Amino acid sequence: MVLYASVRDIGVDLCARAGYDVDADPGPGHPPALADPTADAVGLVDDPRPIAIEPLTEASVGPEAVVPRLAAALDAGQDCLFVAPAPDGSEALARVVASVLETPTALAADDPEGRRFYSGPDRVPLSDGTYACVRAPPERLQWREVRVGADRPRLELSAADEVVAVFEHVDALACPDRGTFRHAYARTDDGQFAVTERGEVVATFAGVAAMRRGGYTPVAMPLVPEHLFPAESTPARSWAVCAATDDPAVYGPDGVHDWP
């Protein structure tokens, strides 16, 4: 049995066996490990390219962590190998990552009525310097496109069955008007977080956690593929994920495959 010092080392070992020269500590501004193909390398999915090795934790297997890492790899001209932890030897977390990245890549759904987006790690900044928030728990929030006629789909944020914000289209997220949201929040000069409703302060909290407990949820920016991935990239063919086990199965866009 091979003993690995870390989750990262699983990816390092797989890439080395596939014919890559691996830098296990490339330094700041780079992925946790970086693999460069040699002449004998076997491509992660298609033709061999540099591979960003991204070890995950149990808290970072969701789309808000995985999708930006894939986007960063593609922007650098790399494929991405995710290594998920395997508590009790289970590959369940690796399958969670694969489900996020499978077609439709990085989308919660792609229906005839319009796309549904995952929420990302960033907050929605508004035109007056505040940030959007809503009076609803985060699990009820959903970003989705709605097709209306022949124009571009409009973008809606829903809290369960209630629409709480509407945008002309996804590109309108670049600079949302303060009036788009009923509630917003900002840090005050004394370090508190003030929540406003139509410009009037309605509550003040010591921090974001307290704000959440008070019923106000900061609005997360949706993960819109065309905003994240380079136009020339093919995110659906640029990733794989495995579990941190002794003999990990490798999940890719075509399902489980033999690699290396």
Protein backbone atom coordinates (compact mmCIF):
# COMPACT_ATOMS: atom_id res chain seq x y z
CA MET A 1 0.00 0.00 0.00
CA VAL A 2 1.31 3.45 -0.93
CA LEU A 3 1.33 5.95 1.94
CA TYR A 4 0.66 9.55 0.87
CA ALA A 5 1.57 12.56 2.99
CA SER A 6 -1.27 14.68 1.66
CA VAL A 7 -4.23 14.81 -0.70
CA ARG A 8 -2.06 16.82 -3.08
CA ASP A 9 0.43 13.94 -3.33
CA ILE A 10 -2.23 11.71 -4.89
CA GLY A 11 -2.41 14.10 -7.86
CA VAL A 12 1.37 14.47 -7.97
CA ASP A 13 1.78 10.70 -8.16
CA LEU A 14 -0.87 10.27 -10.87
CA CYS A 15 0.68 12.97 -13.06
CA ALA A 16 4.21 11.56 -12.61
CA ARG A 17 2.96 8.11 -13.66
CA ALA A 18 1.32 9.69 -16.72
CA GLY A 19 4.64 11.09 -17.95
CA TYR A 20 4.61 14.61 -16.48
CA ASP A 21 7.37 16.54 -14.76
CA VAL A 22 5.73 17.72 -11.55
CA ASP A 23 6.61 20.76 -9.48
CA ALA A 24 5.03 19.99 -6.10
CA ASP A 25 5.53 23.54 -4.82
CA PRO A 26 5.49 26.09 -7.66
CA GLY A 27 5.06 29.03 -5.29
CA PRO A 28 2.70 32.01 -4.94
CA GLY A 29 0.47 32.78 -7.91
CA HIS A 30 0.47 29.17 -9.07
CA PRO A 31 -1.67 26.12 -8.28
CA PRO A 32 -0.61 23.94 -5.31
CA ALA A 33 1.23 21.66 -7.76
CA LEU A 34 1.90 21.97 -11.49
CA ALA A 35 2.62 19.19 -13.98
CA ASP A 36 4.29 19.80 -17.36
CA PRO A 37 3.98 17.10 -20.05
CA THR A 38 7.04 15.32 -21.38
CA ALA A 39 7.24 13.76 -24.84
CA ASP A 40 5.75 10.54 -23.43
CA ALA A 41 2.93 12.13 -21.46
CA VAL A 42 -0.64 10.84 -21.60
CA GLY A 43 -3.19 13.65 -21.81
CA LEU A 44 -5.56 14.14 -18.91
CA VAL A 45 -8.54 14.21 -21.29
CA ASP A 46 -7.36 15.07 -24.80
CA ASP A 47 -3.87 16.06 -26.00
CA PRO A 48 -1.33 16.59 -23.19
CA ARG A 49 -1.21 20.08 -21.69
CA PRO A 50 0.14 21.43 -18.41
CA ILE A 51 -2.01 20.29 -15.50
CA ALA A 52 -2.92 22.33 -12.44
CA ILE A 53 -3.22 19.91 -9.51
CA GLU A 54 -5.90 21.18 -7.12
CA PRO A 55 -6.28 19.33 -3.80
CA LEU A 56 -9.66 19.93 -2.14
CA THR A 57 -11.03 19.73 1.38
CA GLU A 58 -14.43 18.53 2.48
CA ALA A 59 -15.50 22.19 2.65
CA SER A 60 -14.28 23.07 -0.88
CA VAL A 61 -15.90 20.46 -3.14
CA GLY A 62 -18.82 22.73 -4.08
CA PRO A 63 -19.15 24.89 -7.20
CA GLU A 64 -18.16 28.11 -5.41
CA ALA A 65 -14.65 26.70 -4.95
CA VAL A 66 -14.26 24.27 -7.84
CA VAL A 67 -15.50 26.38 -10.76
CA PRO A 68 -13.19 29.40 -10.14
CA ARG A 69 -10.20 27.04 -9.86
CA LEU A 70 -11.03 25.47 -13.22
CA ALA A 71 -11.45 28.94 -14.70
CA ALA A 72 -8.03 30.02 -13.37
CA ALA A 73 -6.39 26.92 -14.86
CA LEU A 74 -7.95 27.48 -18.28
CA ASP A 75 -6.96 31.15 -18.21
CA ALA A 76 -3.36 29.97 -17.70
CA GLY A 77 -3.58 27.45 -20.56
CA GLN A 78 -3.78 24.44 -18.23
CA ASP A 79 -6.03 21.46 -17.65
CA CYS A 80 -7.12 20.83 -14.06
CA LEU A 81 -6.92 17.68 -11.93
CA PHE A 82 -8.96 17.93 -8.73
CA VAL A 83 -8.18 15.59 -5.86
CA ALA A 84 -11.04 15.22 -3.41
CA PRO A 85 -10.70 13.87 0.13
CA ALA A 86 -12.05 10.39 0.71
CA PRO A 87 -13.33 10.07 4.27
CA ASP A 88 -13.62 6.39 5.18
CA GLY A 89 -12.35 5.50 1.69
CA SER A 90 -15.48 6.83 -0.02
CA GLU A 91 -15.37 8.45 -3.47
CA ALA A 92 -18.59 10.36 -2.82
CA LEU A 93 -16.91 13.78 -2.68
CA ALA A 94 -15.07 13.13 -5.95
CA ARG A 95 -18.42 12.36 -7.55
CA VAL A 96 -19.82 15.63 -6.18
CA VAL A 97 -17.04 17.55 -7.95
CA ALA A 98 -17.64 15.61 -11.17
CA SER A 99 -21.36 16.40 -11.03
CA VAL A 100 -20.58 20.13 -10.90
CA LEU A 101 -18.26 19.99 -13.92
CA GLU A 102 -20.11 17.53 -16.14
CA THR A 103 -22.14 18.88 -19.06
CA PRO A 104 -23.55 21.47 -18.81
CA THR A 105 -20.18 22.50 -17.43
CA ALA A 106 -20.40 24.78 -14.37
CA LEU A 107 -24.18 25.25 -14.76
CA ALA A 108 -26.81 24.12 -12.29
CA ALA A 109 -29.05 23.39 -15.30
CA ASP A 110 -29.47 24.28 -18.97
CA ASP A 111 -33.17 24.00 -19.84
CA PRO A 112 -35.16 25.22 -22.85
CA GLU A 113 -36.61 27.92 -20.57
CA GLY A 114 -33.12 29.18 -19.69
CA ARG A 115 -30.02 28.43 -17.68
CA ARG A 116 -29.75 28.15 -13.89
CA PHE A 117 -26.50 29.22 -12.28
CA TYR A 118 -24.52 28.18 -9.25
CA SER A 119 -23.67 30.88 -6.71
CA GLY A 120 -20.01 31.85 -6.48
CA PRO A 121 -17.69 33.08 -3.72
CA ASP A 122 -17.98 36.79 -4.59
CA ARG A 123 -20.71 39.19 -3.47
CA VAL A 124 -22.81 41.44 -5.72
CA PRO A 125 -21.52 45.04 -5.50
CA LEU A 126 -24.00 47.83 -6.21
CA SER A 127 -23.59 51.19 -7.92
CA ASP A 128 -23.51 53.18 -4.64
CA GLY A 129 -20.68 51.15 -3.08
CA THR A 130 -22.93 48.88 -1.01
CA TYR A 131 -23.51 45.14 -1.45
CA ALA A 132 -26.78 43.39 -2.18
CA CYS A 133 -28.55 41.32 0.48
CA VAL A 134 -32.00 39.75 0.79
CA ARG A 135 -34.31 38.69 3.60
CA ALA A 136 -34.22 34.97 2.83
CA PRO A 137 -32.03 32.00 3.79
CA PRO A 138 -29.25 31.22 1.29
CA GLU A 139 -30.60 27.76 0.39
CA ARG A 140 -33.72 29.39 -1.09
CA LEU A 141 -31.83 31.66 -3.49
CA GLN A 142 -31.51 30.74 -7.17
CA TRP A 143 -30.10 32.67 -10.12
CA ARG A 144 -31.80 31.79 -13.41
CA GLU A 145 -32.34 33.08 -16.92
CA VAL A 146 -35.86 33.54 -18.24
CA ARG A 147 -36.47 33.60 -21.98
CA VAL A 148 -38.87 36.34 -23.05
CA GLY A 149 -39.47 36.59 -26.79
CA ALA A 150 -36.52 36.76 -29.18
CA ASP A 151 -34.35 39.02 -27.01
CA ARG A 152 -31.56 37.87 -24.72
CA PRO A 153 -32.86 36.04 -21.65
CA ARG A 154 -33.34 38.25 -18.63
CA LEU A 155 -31.67 37.28 -15.36
CA GLU A 156 -33.70 36.78 -12.20
CA LEU A 157 -32.81 36.09 -8.59
CA SER A 158 -35.53 34.15 -6.83
CA ALA A 159 -36.08 33.35 -3.16
CA ALA A 160 -38.21 30.21 -3.38
CA ASP A 161 -41.20 31.34 -5.53
CA GLU A 162 -40.61 35.07 -5.11
CA VAL A 163 -38.52 37.06 -7.62
CA VAL A 164 -36.37 39.48 -5.62
CA ALA A 165 -34.23 41.03 -8.38
CA VAL A 166 -34.38 41.31 -12.17
CA PHE A 167 -31.60 42.18 -14.64
CA GLU A 168 -31.88 42.89 -18.36
CA HIS A 169 -29.37 40.08 -19.03
CA VAL A 170 -26.32 38.47 -17.39
CA ASP A 171 -23.95 41.23 -18.55
CA ALA A 172 -25.93 43.72 -16.45
CA LEU A 173 -24.19 42.17 -13.43
CA ALA A 174 -21.15 44.29 -14.30
CA CYS A 175 -22.60 47.29 -12.44
CA PRO A 176 -26.01 46.65 -10.84
CA ASP A 177 -27.99 49.74 -9.89
CA ARG A 178 -28.70 50.14 -6.18
CA GLY A 179 -32.42 50.17 -6.96
CA THR A 180 -32.27 46.60 -8.28
CA PHE A 181 -32.35 45.29 -4.69
CA ARG A 182 -34.62 46.24 -1.84
CA HIS A 183 -31.91 45.62 0.75
CA ALA A 184 -28.18 46.31 0.79
CA TYR A 185 -25.40 46.44 3.35
CA ALA A 186 -22.10 48.21 3.91
CA ARG A 187 -19.43 48.51 6.59
CA THR A 188 -19.73 51.65 8.69
CA ASP A 189 -16.88 53.81 9.97
CA ASP A 190 -16.97 52.02 13.34
CA GLY A 191 -16.66 48.56 11.74
CA GLN A 192 -20.31 47.58 12.00
CA PHE A 193 -22.45 46.30 9.11
CA ALA A 194 -25.44 48.51 8.36
CA VAL A 195 -28.37 47.09 6.38
CA THR A 196 -30.44 49.58 4.43
CA GLU A 197 -33.89 49.30 2.87
CA ARG A 198 -34.45 51.75 0.03
CA GLY A 199 -31.69 53.90 1.50
CA GLU A 200 -32.81 53.88 5.14
CA VAL A 201 -30.82 51.99 7.80
CA VAL A 202 -33.05 49.26 9.23
CA ALA A 203 -30.53 47.16 11.20
CA THR A 204 -26.90 47.15 12.32
CA PHE A 205 -24.79 44.07 13.02
CA ALA A 206 -21.33 43.34 14.39
CA GLY A 207 -20.43 41.21 11.36
CA VAL A 208 -21.70 39.17 8.44
CA ALA A 209 -22.37 36.11 10.60
CA ALA A 210 -24.58 38.19 12.87
CA MET A 211 -26.27 39.67 9.83
CA ARG A 212 -27.12 36.18 8.61
CA ARG A 213 -28.51 35.25 12.02
CA GLY A 214 -30.65 38.36 11.81
CA GLY A 215 -32.23 37.10 8.60
CA TYR A 216 -30.25 39.06 5.99
CA THR A 217 -28.25 37.01 3.45
CA PRO A 218 -25.49 38.63 1.35
CA VAL A 219 -26.20 37.91 -2.33
CA ALA A 220 -23.55 35.78 -4.01
CA MET A 221 -22.53 36.59 -7.58
CA PRO A 222 -23.71 33.83 -9.96
CA LEU A 223 -21.10 31.74 -11.76
CA VAL A 224 -21.79 32.63 -15.41
CA PRO A 225 -19.60 30.49 -17.71
CA GLU A 226 -19.02 33.17 -20.36
CA HIS A 227 -17.84 35.55 -17.63
CA LEU A 228 -15.41 32.98 -16.22
CA PHE A 229 -13.85 31.01 -19.04
CA PRO A 230 -11.69 32.33 -21.91
CA ALA A 231 -13.65 32.47 -25.16
CA GLU A 232 -11.24 30.08 -26.86
CA SER A 233 -11.25 27.52 -24.01
CA THR A 234 -13.15 24.23 -23.84
CA PRO A 235 -13.98 23.78 -20.14
CA ALA A 236 -16.01 20.64 -20.82
CA ARG A 237 -12.83 18.84 -22.00
CA SER A 238 -10.27 20.24 -19.57
CA TRP A 239 -10.78 18.61 -16.19
CA ALA A 240 -10.70 15.38 -14.22
CA VAL A 241 -11.21 14.50 -10.56
CA CYS A 242 -10.15 11.62 -8.38
CA ALA A 243 -10.53 10.63 -4.75
CA ALA A 244 -7.61 10.54 -2.35
CA THR A 245 -7.44 6.76 -2.16
CA ASP A 246 -4.64 4.28 -2.82
CA ASP A 247 -6.03 3.27 -6.24
CA PRO A 248 -8.28 6.16 -7.23
CA ALA A 249 -10.78 6.07 -10.05
CA VAL A 250 -10.42 9.11 -12.30
CA TYR A 251 -13.66 10.84 -13.28
CA GLY A 252 -13.67 12.97 -16.43
CA PRO A 253 -16.17 14.51 -18.85
CA ASP A 254 -16.80 11.05 -20.35
CA GLY A 255 -17.24 9.28 -17.01
CA VAL A 256 -14.71 7.04 -15.30
CA HIS A 257 -11.67 6.40 -17.50
CA ASP A 258 -8.24 4.84 -17.28
CA TRP A 259 -5.64 7.51 -16.55
CA PRO A 260 -2.75 7.33 -16.48
